[in-house]
Protein backbone atom coordinates (compact mmCIF):
# COMPACT_ATOMS: atom_id res chain seq x y z
CA MET A 1 56.70 -168.71 -41.02
CA ARG A 2 58.70 -165.62 -41.38
CA GLN A 3 61.90 -165.89 -42.97
CA SER A 4 62.76 -163.62 -40.42
CA GLN A 5 62.40 -165.68 -37.71
CA LEU A 6 63.46 -168.82 -39.26
CA PHE A 7 66.55 -171.03 -38.59
CA LEU A 8 68.31 -171.22 -41.86
CA PRO A 9 72.11 -171.10 -42.26
CA THR A 10 72.18 -171.32 -46.34
CA LEU A 11 75.30 -171.55 -47.67
CA ARG A 12 77.02 -169.80 -50.79
CA GLU A 13 80.32 -172.20 -51.70
CA VAL A 14 80.07 -175.91 -52.17
CA PRO A 15 81.34 -177.48 -48.98
CA ALA A 16 84.78 -179.49 -50.00
CA ASP A 17 83.71 -182.49 -48.49
CA ALA A 18 80.61 -182.99 -49.67
CA ASP A 19 80.71 -184.96 -52.79
CA VAL A 20 77.14 -185.79 -54.64
CA LYS A 21 74.46 -182.91 -55.27
CA SER A 22 71.87 -184.35 -52.36
CA HIS A 23 75.18 -183.95 -49.58
CA GLN A 24 75.84 -180.38 -51.32
CA MET A 25 72.55 -179.09 -51.51
CA LEU A 26 70.75 -180.01 -48.27
CA LEU A 27 74.07 -178.73 -46.73
CA ARG A 28 74.21 -175.28 -48.94
CA ALA A 29 70.46 -175.20 -48.05
CA GLY A 30 70.17 -174.60 -44.58
CA PHE A 31 68.18 -178.38 -44.33
CA ILE A 32 71.27 -180.62 -42.54
CA ARG A 33 74.76 -180.25 -40.76
CA GLN A 34 77.52 -182.57 -40.13
CA ASN A 35 78.48 -183.40 -36.54
CA ALA A 36 81.31 -185.45 -37.63
CA ALA A 37 82.06 -188.29 -40.13
CA GLY A 38 78.21 -190.07 -40.85
CA ILE A 39 76.55 -188.24 -38.27
CA TYR A 40 74.28 -185.36 -38.85
CA SER A 41 71.49 -182.27 -37.55
CA PHE A 42 68.41 -181.97 -39.16
CA LEU A 43 67.16 -178.51 -38.81
CA PRO A 44 63.99 -177.13 -39.25
CA LEU A 45 63.64 -177.33 -42.88
CA GLY A 46 65.25 -181.09 -43.12
CA LYS A 47 62.91 -182.46 -39.78
CA LYS A 48 60.06 -180.83 -41.81
CA VAL A 49 61.03 -183.17 -44.60
CA LEU A 50 61.69 -185.42 -42.41
CA HIS A 51 58.68 -185.34 -40.82
CA LYS A 52 56.22 -185.82 -44.45
CA ILE A 53 58.15 -188.69 -45.34
CA GLU A 54 57.28 -190.46 -42.04
CA ASN A 55 54.07 -189.44 -41.76
CA ILE A 56 53.99 -190.52 -45.78
CA VAL A 57 55.43 -193.63 -44.65
CA ARG A 58 52.59 -194.78 -41.27
CA GLU A 59 50.01 -193.95 -43.79
CA GLU A 60 50.41 -196.65 -46.20
CA MET A 61 51.95 -199.33 -43.12
CA ASN A 62 48.67 -198.06 -40.73
CA ARG A 63 46.83 -198.85 -44.34
CA ALA A 64 48.42 -202.59 -44.79
CA GLY A 65 47.69 -203.50 -40.97
CA SER A 66 50.87 -202.39 -39.22
CA GLN A 67 51.25 -201.46 -35.79
CA GLU A 68 53.26 -198.47 -34.72
CA MET A 69 55.48 -198.79 -31.30
CA MET A 70 58.73 -198.01 -30.05
CA MET A 71 61.69 -200.00 -29.05
CA PRO A 72 64.91 -199.14 -27.30
CA ALA A 73 67.60 -197.57 -29.04
CA LEU A 74 70.53 -199.36 -26.22
CA GLN A 75 70.18 -203.11 -26.64
CA LEU A 76 71.26 -205.82 -23.72
CA ALA A 77 74.08 -208.26 -25.42
CA ASP A 78 72.39 -211.28 -24.15
CA LEU A 79 69.41 -210.91 -27.35
CA TRP A 80 72.09 -210.95 -29.81
CA GLN A 81 74.11 -213.80 -28.18
CA GLU A 82 71.03 -215.46 -28.31
CA SER A 83 70.45 -215.26 -31.79
CA GLY A 84 73.95 -215.42 -32.57
CA ARG A 85 74.63 -212.25 -34.48
CA TRP A 86 76.90 -210.72 -31.04
CA TYR A 87 79.47 -212.92 -32.60
CA SER A 88 79.08 -212.71 -36.53
CA TYR A 89 77.79 -209.06 -36.87
CA GLY A 90 81.27 -207.79 -37.29
CA PRO A 91 82.65 -203.87 -37.05
CA GLU A 92 79.73 -201.98 -37.86
CA LEU A 93 77.83 -203.18 -34.51
CA MET A 94 78.68 -200.53 -31.96
CA ARG A 95 79.18 -202.08 -28.66
CA LEU A 96 79.72 -200.51 -24.92
CA LYS A 97 79.60 -201.11 -21.40
CA ASP A 98 77.55 -199.89 -18.30
CA ARG A 99 78.94 -198.75 -15.27
CA HIS A 100 78.04 -202.93 -14.08
CA GLU A 101 80.10 -203.92 -17.12
CA ARG A 102 77.70 -205.38 -19.03
CA ASP A 103 77.88 -205.77 -22.28
CA PHE A 104 75.31 -203.82 -25.24
CA ALA A 105 75.02 -202.81 -28.00
CA LEU A 106 73.08 -199.10 -29.92
CA GLY A 107 70.89 -200.96 -32.56
CA ALA A 108 71.95 -201.72 -35.52
CA THR A 109 68.56 -203.15 -36.30
CA HIS A 110 65.51 -204.42 -33.46
CA GLU A 111 65.22 -208.07 -34.98
CA GLU A 112 66.59 -209.44 -31.34
CA VAL A 113 64.48 -206.91 -29.37
CA ILE A 114 61.08 -207.58 -31.16
CA THR A 115 61.74 -211.51 -31.23
CA SER A 116 62.30 -211.65 -27.47
CA ILE A 117 58.98 -209.29 -26.79
CA ILE A 118 56.67 -212.20 -29.09
CA ARG A 119 58.15 -214.70 -27.53
CA ASP A 120 57.48 -213.21 -24.06
CA GLU A 121 53.80 -212.22 -24.91
CA VAL A 122 52.46 -214.16 -27.74
CA LYS A 123 51.41 -217.70 -26.90
CA SER A 124 48.49 -218.69 -29.18
CA TYR A 125 47.97 -219.61 -33.05
CA LYS A 126 44.94 -216.79 -32.12
CA LYS A 127 47.01 -214.43 -31.66
CA LEU A 128 49.20 -213.74 -34.97
CA PRO A 129 49.78 -213.34 -37.27
CA LEU A 130 51.25 -210.10 -36.14
CA ASN A 131 52.78 -206.71 -38.11
CA LEU A 132 54.75 -204.10 -35.86
CA TYR A 133 56.55 -201.23 -36.64
CA GLN A 134 58.65 -198.46 -35.54
CA ILE A 135 60.62 -195.21 -36.79
CA GLN A 136 63.67 -194.22 -34.79
CA THR A 137 67.80 -194.11 -34.93
CA LYS A 138 69.76 -196.66 -36.00
CA PHE A 139 73.53 -197.02 -35.52
CA ARG A 140 76.26 -198.40 -37.37
CA ASP A 141 79.99 -198.29 -37.21
CA GLU A 142 80.20 -197.81 -40.87
CA LYS A 143 84.05 -197.99 -42.16
CA ARG A 144 83.96 -195.26 -44.56
CA PRO A 145 80.86 -192.91 -44.00
CA ARG A 146 80.25 -191.12 -47.25
CA PHE A 147 77.54 -189.40 -49.59
CA GLY A 148 76.36 -187.44 -46.53
CA LEU A 149 72.55 -189.07 -45.47
CA LEU A 150 72.96 -191.77 -48.35
CA ARG A 151 75.82 -194.10 -45.94
CA GLY A 152 75.81 -192.88 -42.55
CA ARG A 153 76.85 -194.00 -38.77
CA GLU A 154 73.73 -191.90 -37.10
CA PHE A 155 70.19 -192.70 -39.78
CA ILE A 156 66.53 -192.80 -39.00
CA MET A 157 64.94 -196.16 -40.25
CA LYS A 158 61.13 -197.43 -40.09
CA ASP A 159 61.52 -201.19 -39.71
CA ALA A 160 58.36 -203.59 -39.22
CA TYR A 161 58.75 -207.27 -38.14
CA SER A 162 55.95 -209.86 -39.14
CA PHE A 163 55.11 -213.09 -36.95
CA HIS A 164 53.14 -216.04 -38.25
CA ASP A 165 51.89 -219.74 -37.58
CA LYS A 166 51.97 -220.34 -41.61
CA GLN A 167 54.45 -219.79 -44.23
CA GLU A 168 51.31 -219.03 -46.47
CA SER A 169 50.46 -215.88 -43.63
CA LEU A 170 53.82 -215.07 -44.48
CA ASP A 171 53.86 -214.97 -48.09
CA GLU A 172 50.44 -212.82 -48.15
CA THR A 173 51.78 -210.33 -45.58
CA TYR A 174 55.14 -210.18 -47.93
CA GLU A 175 53.24 -209.16 -50.88
CA ILE A 176 51.36 -206.72 -49.06
CA MET A 177 54.70 -204.98 -47.54
CA LYS A 178 55.87 -204.88 -51.06
CA ASP A 179 52.52 -202.83 -52.19
CA ALA A 180 52.78 -200.71 -49.38
CA TYR A 181 56.88 -199.83 -50.62
CA SER A 182 55.62 -198.98 -53.72
CA ALA A 183 53.28 -196.58 -52.47
CA ILE A 184 55.25 -194.98 -50.43
CA PHE A 185 58.22 -194.51 -52.74
CA SER A 186 55.54 -193.25 -55.27
CA ARG A 187 54.14 -190.96 -53.16
CA CYS A 188 57.80 -189.52 -52.35
CA GLY A 189 58.32 -189.15 -56.41
CA LEU A 190 60.82 -191.49 -56.57
CA ASN A 191 61.90 -193.79 -59.75
CA PHE A 192 62.65 -197.39 -58.01
CA ARG A 193 62.70 -200.84 -59.03
CA ALA A 194 61.62 -203.34 -56.66
CA VAL A 195 64.55 -206.00 -57.06
CA LEU A 196 65.50 -209.31 -56.32
CA ALA A 197 68.26 -209.34 -53.70
CA ASP A 198 70.26 -211.35 -51.63
CA SER A 199 69.49 -211.34 -47.58
CA GLY A 200 73.01 -210.23 -46.47
CA SER A 201 73.79 -210.09 -42.91
CA ILE A 202 70.28 -210.37 -41.58
CA GLY A 203 69.76 -213.63 -42.67
CA GLY A 204 66.36 -215.65 -44.44
CA LYS A 205 65.19 -215.98 -48.06
CA ASP A 206 63.02 -214.50 -50.42
CA ASN A 207 63.38 -210.71 -50.17
CA HIS A 208 63.50 -207.84 -52.44
CA GLU A 209 65.62 -204.01 -52.58
CA PHE A 210 63.64 -201.20 -53.49
CA MET A 211 66.04 -199.56 -55.12
CA VAL A 212 65.98 -195.71 -56.94
CA LEU A 213 67.84 -195.92 -60.06
CA SER A 214 70.81 -193.08 -59.67
CA GLU A 215 74.49 -192.75 -61.08
CA ILE A 216 75.94 -192.35 -57.60
CA GLY A 217 74.39 -195.89 -56.72
CA GLU A 218 76.42 -198.60 -55.33
CA ASP A 219 74.32 -200.87 -56.34
CA LEU A 220 74.33 -202.23 -60.05
CA ILE A 221 70.25 -203.66 -61.10
CA ALA A 222 70.04 -205.49 -64.00
CA TYR A 223 65.75 -204.68 -65.01
CA SER A 224 63.91 -205.58 -68.18
CA THR A 225 63.58 -202.89 -70.95
CA ASP A 226 59.59 -204.29 -71.53
CA SER A 227 58.28 -205.26 -68.04
CA ASP A 228 58.81 -204.66 -64.04
CA PHE A 229 61.75 -207.02 -63.66
CA ALA A 230 64.48 -206.47 -62.05
CA ALA A 231 67.42 -208.04 -59.66
CA ASN A 232 70.27 -206.70 -58.06
CA ILE A 233 72.87 -208.00 -60.39
CA GLU A 234 74.52 -210.49 -57.81
CA MET A 235 70.85 -212.51 -58.12
CA ALA A 236 69.77 -211.95 -61.36
CA PRO A 237 68.54 -214.83 -63.32
CA VAL A 238 69.93 -216.28 -66.31
CA LEU A 239 67.71 -217.56 -69.28
CA LEU A 240 69.28 -219.88 -71.45
CA GLN A 241 69.21 -218.80 -75.00
CA GLU A 242 71.89 -220.27 -76.93
CA SER A 243 71.28 -223.36 -78.89
CA ALA A 244 73.31 -226.60 -79.39
CA SER A 245 76.00 -225.38 -82.14
CA SER A 246 75.27 -227.59 -85.25
CA GLU A 247 79.09 -228.03 -85.78
CA ASN A 248 79.76 -231.90 -85.60
CA PRO A 249 82.10 -233.19 -82.88
CA LYS A 250 85.69 -233.05 -83.57
CA GLU A 251 88.63 -235.42 -81.84
CA ILE A 252 89.70 -233.92 -78.55
CA GLU A 253 93.71 -233.11 -79.26
CA LYS A 254 96.35 -231.22 -76.55
CA VAL A 255 98.15 -228.10 -77.37
CA ASP A 256 100.97 -226.55 -76.83
CA THR A 257 100.06 -222.74 -75.82
CA LYS A 258 103.02 -221.99 -74.36
CA ASP A 259 102.02 -218.72 -71.85
CA ALA A 260 98.68 -218.14 -72.44
CA LYS A 261 96.66 -218.52 -68.97
CA THR A 262 94.15 -215.60 -69.30
CA ILE A 263 91.29 -216.63 -71.50
CA GLU A 264 92.30 -212.82 -73.11
CA GLU A 265 95.76 -214.31 -73.83
CA LEU A 266 94.56 -217.69 -75.17
CA SER A 267 91.79 -216.35 -77.51
CA ALA A 268 94.54 -214.25 -78.87
CA PHE A 269 96.90 -217.22 -79.70
CA LEU A 270 94.20 -219.69 -80.79
CA ASN A 271 92.33 -217.02 -82.98
CA THR A 272 88.98 -218.47 -81.14
CA PRO A 273 86.41 -216.26 -79.61
CA ALA A 274 86.08 -216.30 -75.99
CA SER A 275 82.44 -217.78 -76.57
CA LYS A 276 84.36 -221.14 -77.34
CA ILE A 277 86.63 -221.45 -74.54
CA ILE A 278 85.66 -222.90 -71.06
CA LYS A 279 86.50 -221.24 -68.20
CA SER A 280 87.44 -224.08 -65.83
CA LEU A 281 87.92 -222.42 -61.68
CA LEU A 282 88.88 -224.47 -58.74
CA TYR A 283 86.48 -223.00 -55.51
CA LEU A 284 86.55 -224.15 -51.94
CA ALA A 285 82.52 -224.38 -50.91
CA ASP A 286 82.85 -225.27 -46.83
CA GLY A 287 86.54 -227.20 -47.79
CA GLN A 288 85.44 -229.30 -50.42
CA PRO A 289 86.85 -229.09 -53.96
CA VAL A 290 84.22 -227.83 -56.71
CA LEU A 291 85.29 -227.20 -60.33
CA VAL A 292 83.44 -224.76 -61.83
CA LEU A 293 82.70 -223.71 -65.30
CA VAL A 294 81.68 -221.28 -67.68
CA ARG A 295 81.72 -219.97 -70.62
CA GLY A 296 85.03 -217.82 -71.42
CA ASP A 297 82.99 -214.51 -72.44
CA HIS A 298 80.90 -214.89 -68.91
CA GLU A 299 82.09 -214.05 -64.97
CA VAL A 300 81.45 -216.51 -62.29
CA ASN A 301 78.31 -215.41 -59.69
CA GLU A 302 79.63 -216.57 -56.65
CA ILE A 303 76.08 -215.84 -55.06
CA LYS A 304 74.87 -218.18 -57.19
CA LEU A 305 77.22 -220.77 -56.92
CA LYS A 306 77.18 -220.28 -53.19
CA ASN A 307 73.36 -220.53 -52.94
CA VAL A 308 73.10 -223.87 -55.15
CA LEU A 309 75.67 -225.45 -53.12
CA SER A 310 73.98 -225.06 -50.31
CA ALA A 311 77.21 -223.62 -48.87
CA GLU A 312 78.27 -221.22 -46.02
CA GLU A 313 81.52 -219.85 -47.24
CA VAL A 314 82.59 -220.73 -50.64
CA SER A 315 86.30 -219.03 -52.06
CA LEU A 316 88.52 -219.36 -55.03
CA ALA A 317 91.45 -222.18 -54.18
CA SER A 318 94.78 -220.63 -53.98
CA GLU A 319 97.40 -221.95 -56.61
CA GLU A 320 98.43 -224.57 -53.59
CA ASP A 321 94.72 -226.29 -53.53
CA ALA A 322 95.20 -225.94 -57.35
CA VAL A 323 98.57 -227.95 -57.08
CA LYS A 324 96.82 -230.42 -54.92
CA TRP A 325 93.40 -231.51 -56.10
CA LEU A 326 94.39 -231.25 -59.76
CA ASN A 327 97.94 -231.46 -60.23
CA THR A 328 98.50 -227.93 -62.20
CA LYS A 329 98.44 -223.84 -61.82
CA PRO A 330 95.43 -221.96 -62.27
CA GLY A 331 95.67 -220.76 -65.98
CA SER A 332 95.69 -224.22 -67.35
CA ILE A 333 92.87 -225.87 -65.46
CA GLY A 334 90.59 -228.02 -67.34
CA PRO A 335 87.72 -230.46 -66.81
CA VAL A 336 89.05 -233.42 -68.67
CA SER A 337 90.30 -236.18 -66.65
CA VAL A 338 89.48 -235.06 -62.81
CA VAL A 339 89.96 -236.92 -60.06
CA LYS A 340 86.52 -237.96 -58.69
CA ASP A 341 87.28 -236.24 -55.42
CA VAL A 342 86.63 -233.13 -57.65
CA LYS A 343 82.74 -232.52 -57.94
CA ILE A 344 82.23 -230.78 -61.91
CA ILE A 345 79.45 -227.60 -61.70
CA ALA A 346 78.93 -225.78 -65.32
CA ASP A 347 77.01 -223.18 -66.09
CA GLN A 348 73.96 -223.77 -68.37
CA ALA A 349 75.83 -222.65 -71.48
CA ILE A 350 78.56 -225.42 -71.23
CA PRO A 351 76.53 -228.19 -72.95
CA LEU A 352 76.14 -226.58 -75.73
CA MET A 353 79.38 -225.93 -76.51
CA VAL A 354 80.63 -227.96 -79.13
CA ASN A 355 84.39 -227.82 -80.39
CA SER A 356 85.56 -225.70 -77.03
CA VAL A 357 88.26 -225.19 -75.49
CA CYS A 358 90.19 -225.65 -71.81
CA GLY A 359 92.71 -226.42 -69.99
CA ALA A 360 94.47 -229.30 -69.89
CA ASN A 361 95.74 -229.37 -65.78
CA GLU A 362 99.47 -229.58 -67.35
CA GLU A 363 101.32 -226.16 -67.34
CA GLY A 364 101.97 -224.34 -70.72
CA TYR A 365 98.77 -227.13 -72.79
CA HIS A 366 94.81 -226.87 -73.91
CA TYR A 367 92.85 -228.64 -75.05
CA ILE A 368 90.60 -227.94 -78.15
CA ASN A 369 87.54 -229.62 -79.96
CA VAL A 370 86.24 -230.41 -75.93
CA ASN A 371 82.55 -231.64 -75.89
CA ALA A 372 81.09 -232.22 -72.68
CA GLU A 373 79.51 -236.05 -72.24
CA ASN A 374 82.33 -237.16 -74.66
CA ASP A 375 85.92 -236.25 -72.98
CA PHE A 376 84.42 -234.96 -69.42
CA ASP A 377 81.69 -235.65 -67.05
CA ILE A 378 79.15 -232.56 -65.59
CA HIS A 379 77.72 -233.53 -62.65
CA GLN A 380 75.73 -230.82 -62.05
CA THR A 381 74.66 -228.07 -64.53
CA GLU A 382 72.92 -224.93 -63.08
CA ASP A 383 73.07 -220.98 -63.74
CA LEU A 384 76.35 -220.18 -62.83
CA ARG A 385 76.73 -216.67 -64.48
CA PHE A 386 76.57 -212.89 -63.95
CA VAL A 387 73.91 -211.44 -66.23
CA VAL A 388 74.84 -209.41 -68.96
CA GLU A 389 73.43 -206.49 -70.88
CA GLY A 390 71.57 -207.68 -73.99
CA ASP A 391 70.66 -210.77 -72.10
CA ARG A 392 66.52 -212.12 -72.77
CA SER A 393 64.71 -210.84 -69.58
CA PRO A 394 64.44 -213.88 -67.69
CA ASP A 395 60.53 -213.11 -67.57
CA GLY A 396 60.76 -213.68 -71.33
CA LYS A 397 59.58 -209.65 -71.82
CA GLY A 398 62.15 -207.67 -73.31
CA THR A 399 66.19 -207.70 -72.99
CA ILE A 400 68.24 -206.66 -69.66
CA VAL A 401 69.87 -203.50 -68.82
CA PHE A 402 71.75 -202.43 -65.91
CA ALA A 403 71.31 -199.29 -63.85
CA LYS A 404 73.07 -198.25 -61.35
CA GLY A 405 70.80 -197.36 -57.81
CA ILE A 406 70.83 -196.15 -53.91
CA GLU A 407 68.91 -198.90 -51.65
CA VAL A 408 66.17 -197.40 -49.81
CA GLY A 409 63.99 -200.29 -48.95
CA HIS A 410 64.59 -203.86 -48.18
CA VAL A 411 62.00 -206.90 -47.27
CA PHE A 412 63.05 -210.80 -46.14
CA LYS A 413 61.24 -213.47 -45.32
CA LEU A 414 63.04 -214.41 -42.67
CA GLY A 415 61.67 -217.92 -42.03
CA LYS A 416 62.59 -218.71 -38.33
CA VAL A 417 66.34 -217.21 -38.38
CA TYR A 418 65.52 -215.72 -35.66
CA SER A 419 62.56 -217.33 -33.57
CA GLU A 420 64.36 -220.25 -33.90
CA PRO A 421 67.29 -219.99 -31.70
CA MET A 422 65.74 -217.45 -29.10
CA LYS A 423 62.78 -220.04 -28.66
CA ALA A 424 60.01 -217.73 -30.66
CA SER A 425 57.16 -220.32 -29.94
CA TYR A 426 52.88 -220.62 -29.57
CA LEU A 427 50.73 -223.41 -29.03
CA ASP A 428 48.85 -224.33 -32.32
CA GLU A 429 45.25 -225.22 -32.61
CA ASN A 430 46.33 -229.30 -31.37
CA GLY A 431 47.84 -227.21 -28.24
CA LYS A 432 51.58 -228.28 -29.85
CA ASN A 433 54.66 -226.16 -29.32
CA GLN A 434 55.80 -224.22 -32.87
CA ILE A 435 57.85 -221.75 -33.59
CA MET A 436 56.94 -218.52 -35.25
CA THR A 437 57.45 -217.48 -38.85
CA MET A 438 59.23 -213.86 -39.17
CA GLY A 439 59.46 -211.00 -42.16
CA CYS A 440 61.16 -208.11 -41.57
CA TYR A 441 60.67 -205.05 -43.66
CA GLY A 442 62.87 -201.69 -43.31
CA ILE A 443 62.92 -198.57 -44.82
CA GLY A 444 66.15 -195.81 -44.59
CA VAL A 445 63.57 -192.76 -43.84
CA SER A 446 66.97 -190.53 -43.92
CA ARG A 447 68.14 -192.26 -46.93
CA THR A 448 65.13 -191.68 -49.01
CA LEU A 449 65.15 -188.17 -48.29
CA ALA A 450 68.59 -187.96 -49.77
CA ALA A 451 67.68 -190.17 -52.67
CA VAL A 452 64.67 -187.41 -53.06
CA ALA A 453 67.28 -184.57 -52.95
CA GLU A 454 69.69 -186.38 -55.35
CA GLU A 455 67.12 -187.36 -57.75
CA ASN A 456 65.32 -183.10 -57.58
CA ASN A 457 68.13 -180.85 -57.75
CA ASP A 458 68.99 -178.61 -60.63
CA GLU A 459 72.60 -176.22 -61.20
CA LYS A 460 70.43 -173.49 -58.49
CA GLY A 461 69.33 -175.76 -55.51
CA LEU A 462 66.46 -178.37 -54.35
CA ILE A 463 63.35 -178.85 -56.66
CA TRP A 464 61.09 -180.77 -53.92
CA PRO A 465 58.13 -182.86 -55.15
CA LEU A 466 54.96 -181.24 -53.55
CA ALA A 467 54.16 -184.19 -51.03
CA LEU A 468 57.65 -183.87 -49.00
CA SER A 469 58.29 -180.08 -49.55
CA PRO A 470 59.18 -177.63 -46.21
CA PHE A 471 56.83 -175.17 -47.31
CA ASP A 472 53.64 -175.22 -49.96
CA ILE A 473 54.44 -171.86 -51.24
CA HIS A 474 57.11 -169.48 -50.71
CA LEU A 475 55.73 -165.80 -50.52
CA ILE A 476 58.67 -163.11 -51.28
CA ALA A 477 58.46 -159.22 -50.87
CA VAL A 478 61.28 -158.25 -53.23
CA ASN A 479 61.46 -154.70 -51.67
CA SER A 480 60.62 -154.57 -48.37
CA LYS A 481 61.07 -151.44 -47.58
CA ASN A 482 58.56 -150.61 -50.20
CA ALA A 483 54.88 -149.57 -48.38
CA GLU A 484 52.76 -150.73 -51.20
CA GLN A 485 54.81 -153.89 -51.53
CA LEU A 486 54.76 -154.87 -48.01
CA SER A 487 51.58 -154.01 -47.06
CA LEU A 488 50.16 -156.07 -50.44
CA SER A 489 53.04 -159.17 -48.82
CA GLU A 490 51.69 -159.16 -45.28
CA GLU A 491 48.19 -159.15 -46.58
CA LEU A 492 49.05 -162.81 -48.70
CA TYR A 493 50.59 -163.89 -46.13
CA GLU A 494 47.69 -164.05 -43.98
CA LYS A 495 45.35 -164.88 -46.73
CA LEU A 496 47.58 -167.48 -48.10
CA LYS A 497 47.46 -169.40 -44.22
CA ASN A 498 43.84 -168.83 -43.98
CA GLU A 499 43.72 -170.90 -47.46
CA GLY A 500 45.43 -174.14 -45.77
CA TYR A 501 49.01 -173.27 -46.94
CA ASP A 502 52.12 -173.79 -45.23
CA CYS A 503 53.60 -170.61 -46.26
CA LEU A 504 57.08 -169.66 -45.79
CA TYR A 505 57.36 -165.65 -46.13
CA ASP A 506 60.61 -164.22 -47.01
CA ASP A 507 60.20 -160.86 -45.23
CA ARG A 508 63.86 -160.31 -44.59
CA ASN A 509 65.32 -156.59 -45.76
CA GLU A 510 67.08 -158.37 -48.03
CA ARG A 511 68.66 -157.71 -52.24
CA ALA A 512 66.21 -159.02 -54.29
CA GLY A 513 68.75 -161.15 -55.36
CA VAL A 514 69.72 -162.88 -52.49
CA LYS A 515 66.05 -163.50 -51.78
CA PHE A 516 65.50 -165.29 -55.36
CA THR A 517 69.13 -167.29 -54.99
CA ASP A 518 67.98 -168.50 -51.46
CA SER A 519 64.37 -169.64 -52.96
CA ASP A 520 65.51 -171.48 -55.48
CA LEU A 521 68.52 -173.44 -53.37
CA ILE A 522 65.33 -174.18 -50.86
CA GLY A 523 63.11 -175.71 -53.73
CA VAL A 524 60.30 -174.59 -52.65
CA PRO A 525 57.62 -175.77 -55.70
CA ILE A 526 55.99 -172.25 -56.00
CA ARG A 527 56.99 -169.15 -55.60
CA VAL A 528 54.80 -165.93 -54.85
CA MET A 529 57.07 -162.67 -55.95
CA VAL A 530 55.23 -158.97 -54.39
CA GLY A 531 57.32 -156.91 -56.61
CA LYS A 532 56.87 -153.58 -58.95
CA LYS A 533 53.05 -154.07 -60.10
CA ALA A 534 52.06 -154.00 -56.35
CA GLY A 535 50.04 -150.86 -56.61
CA GLU A 536 48.37 -152.30 -59.17
CA GLY A 537 46.82 -155.25 -57.83
CA ILE A 538 49.37 -157.73 -59.59
CA VAL A 539 51.98 -160.63 -58.69
CA GLU A 540 54.27 -162.71 -60.06
CA VAL A 541 53.93 -166.66 -59.64
CA LYS A 542 57.14 -168.62 -60.65
CA ILE A 543 56.58 -172.46 -60.92
CA ARG A 544 60.06 -174.04 -59.59
CA LYS A 545 60.32 -177.00 -61.67
CA ASN A 546 60.47 -175.39 -65.25
CA GLY A 547 61.04 -171.96 -64.61
CA GLU A 548 57.38 -171.16 -65.95
CA LEU A 549 56.52 -167.13 -65.00
CA LEU A 550 52.72 -166.04 -64.65
CA GLU A 551 51.21 -162.11 -63.70
CA VAL A 552 48.46 -163.02 -61.85
CA PRO A 553 46.30 -160.56 -60.38
CA VAL A 554 45.75 -160.64 -56.49
CA SER A 555 41.64 -161.31 -57.34
CA GLU A 556 42.65 -164.39 -59.12
CA LEU A 557 45.84 -165.61 -56.91
CA SER A 558 43.74 -168.09 -55.10
CA GLU A 559 42.54 -169.87 -58.43
CA VAL A 560 45.64 -169.58 -60.12
CA LEU A 561 47.62 -171.39 -56.97
CA LYS A 562 45.25 -174.57 -57.25
CA ARG A 563 45.19 -175.05 -60.52
CA GLU A 564 48.87 -175.00 -60.20
CA TYR A 565 48.92 -177.54 -57.63
CA GLU A 566 46.91 -179.92 -59.39
CA LYS A 567 48.77 -179.79 -62.01
CA LEU A 568 51.99 -180.77 -59.68
CA ALA A 569 50.22 -182.96 -57.93
């Protein structure tokens, strides 16, 4: 492609509303343009990169046995009402009416549509399993669209759905899809982790997010220093590593703690470490009181609590609720002499604590020398806390460290969350009607593009991995008015194209500095410059990633390019 003919509106200044590097660079390099908050056009170079990501996705999905199709972005409300999500999805679902006043939604996702298709077309177990995918525009009315393509209201997504007659079949497909996702993100050159995650509004259980490690990520990841274990901090299990104290239990004693209510205040007042204090928090789980106990230096993980209790809703009790159930206000709550109607559930570290401190359920007072079993009963002991850095990895290999992550993919075991209410059934080998089991697998294609740009840039511009670069080579005629340079540049342009390279040829009548600046900004991996030594048959080859500069005779250019490409591959 001749750059003089290319639609490439680059910017010299960083746009004021672009907060992160990927957004800044993609705008400045002319890959995207904003149409409205969270809505972008992909200009020619952006579309080329997007197309390359889509091709990688297609190749790996097809290799995994999935089949591509296309479903409508405009979806009947009736289907969402069947699943129940019309009422529960929230304001992110873009809703509209047609001229006949029928309700529709712009597709945020396609579980309902695909389930309705399979329900109507597949009647026998002999047609299962099925794995189908599409690459399509999705719409979500984000409250705060930001970070360019990383959180938009309109975006490109690959979504796949599998249908099964047996759980074992879903389990097998789930692992195949996890492997396919790892291959996709590896080919895109991303530093990522497959992270144990919560299913959120999609539903189902057993799911993993694919997270690109990045300082601008909105999710916190806990991962092992010595293994491939990784989990969203909300889902990371805690491996019990404490042992029971060797202290001899003492007699419980009530003490006046004045106005000390928080763990910090109590620790200072009693000159006791937070790890010796029992933090007691009253929760309502589906309206029923639950007293939750964790060590004072730990935090309750409400996702774990909700899952342990199999509750629809878990919330911290109000001051009025605390007075109603425990006859005291928060700040003095404890597990001693609690009425039987209040269930006590403790983190796994609590039974190991000896001579600890807890609230006395009397304002201004706490107990010291408190010991589980002797002084209070625990109805249930579970892993209830957030993991912290330095904890042992749950797989026993290494210790836990934290990093921020950008979610680029998510795989779910949906089970029968959609197939049951939508009556997606089949006849089994005995002729009995059975409900299908489902899986769901999504990749943010446009978000992946932004994540790659976020990982691959410097102060001069983008640095595309070879597999995703909009062009293979950037050929530059340093001085287009020089006959020797122009002649050799034209010759090399034809030669490179004939050798199979997708070549961007800067034939513009611009100053050399402008051409080099634009080249750095665009970020093609290899630059070939035809300059002052053109008459001697010598050109310069520059590697964008490391700045390495080579003087190469034209006769050796093909071999040098082949060698450098092998290094970058």
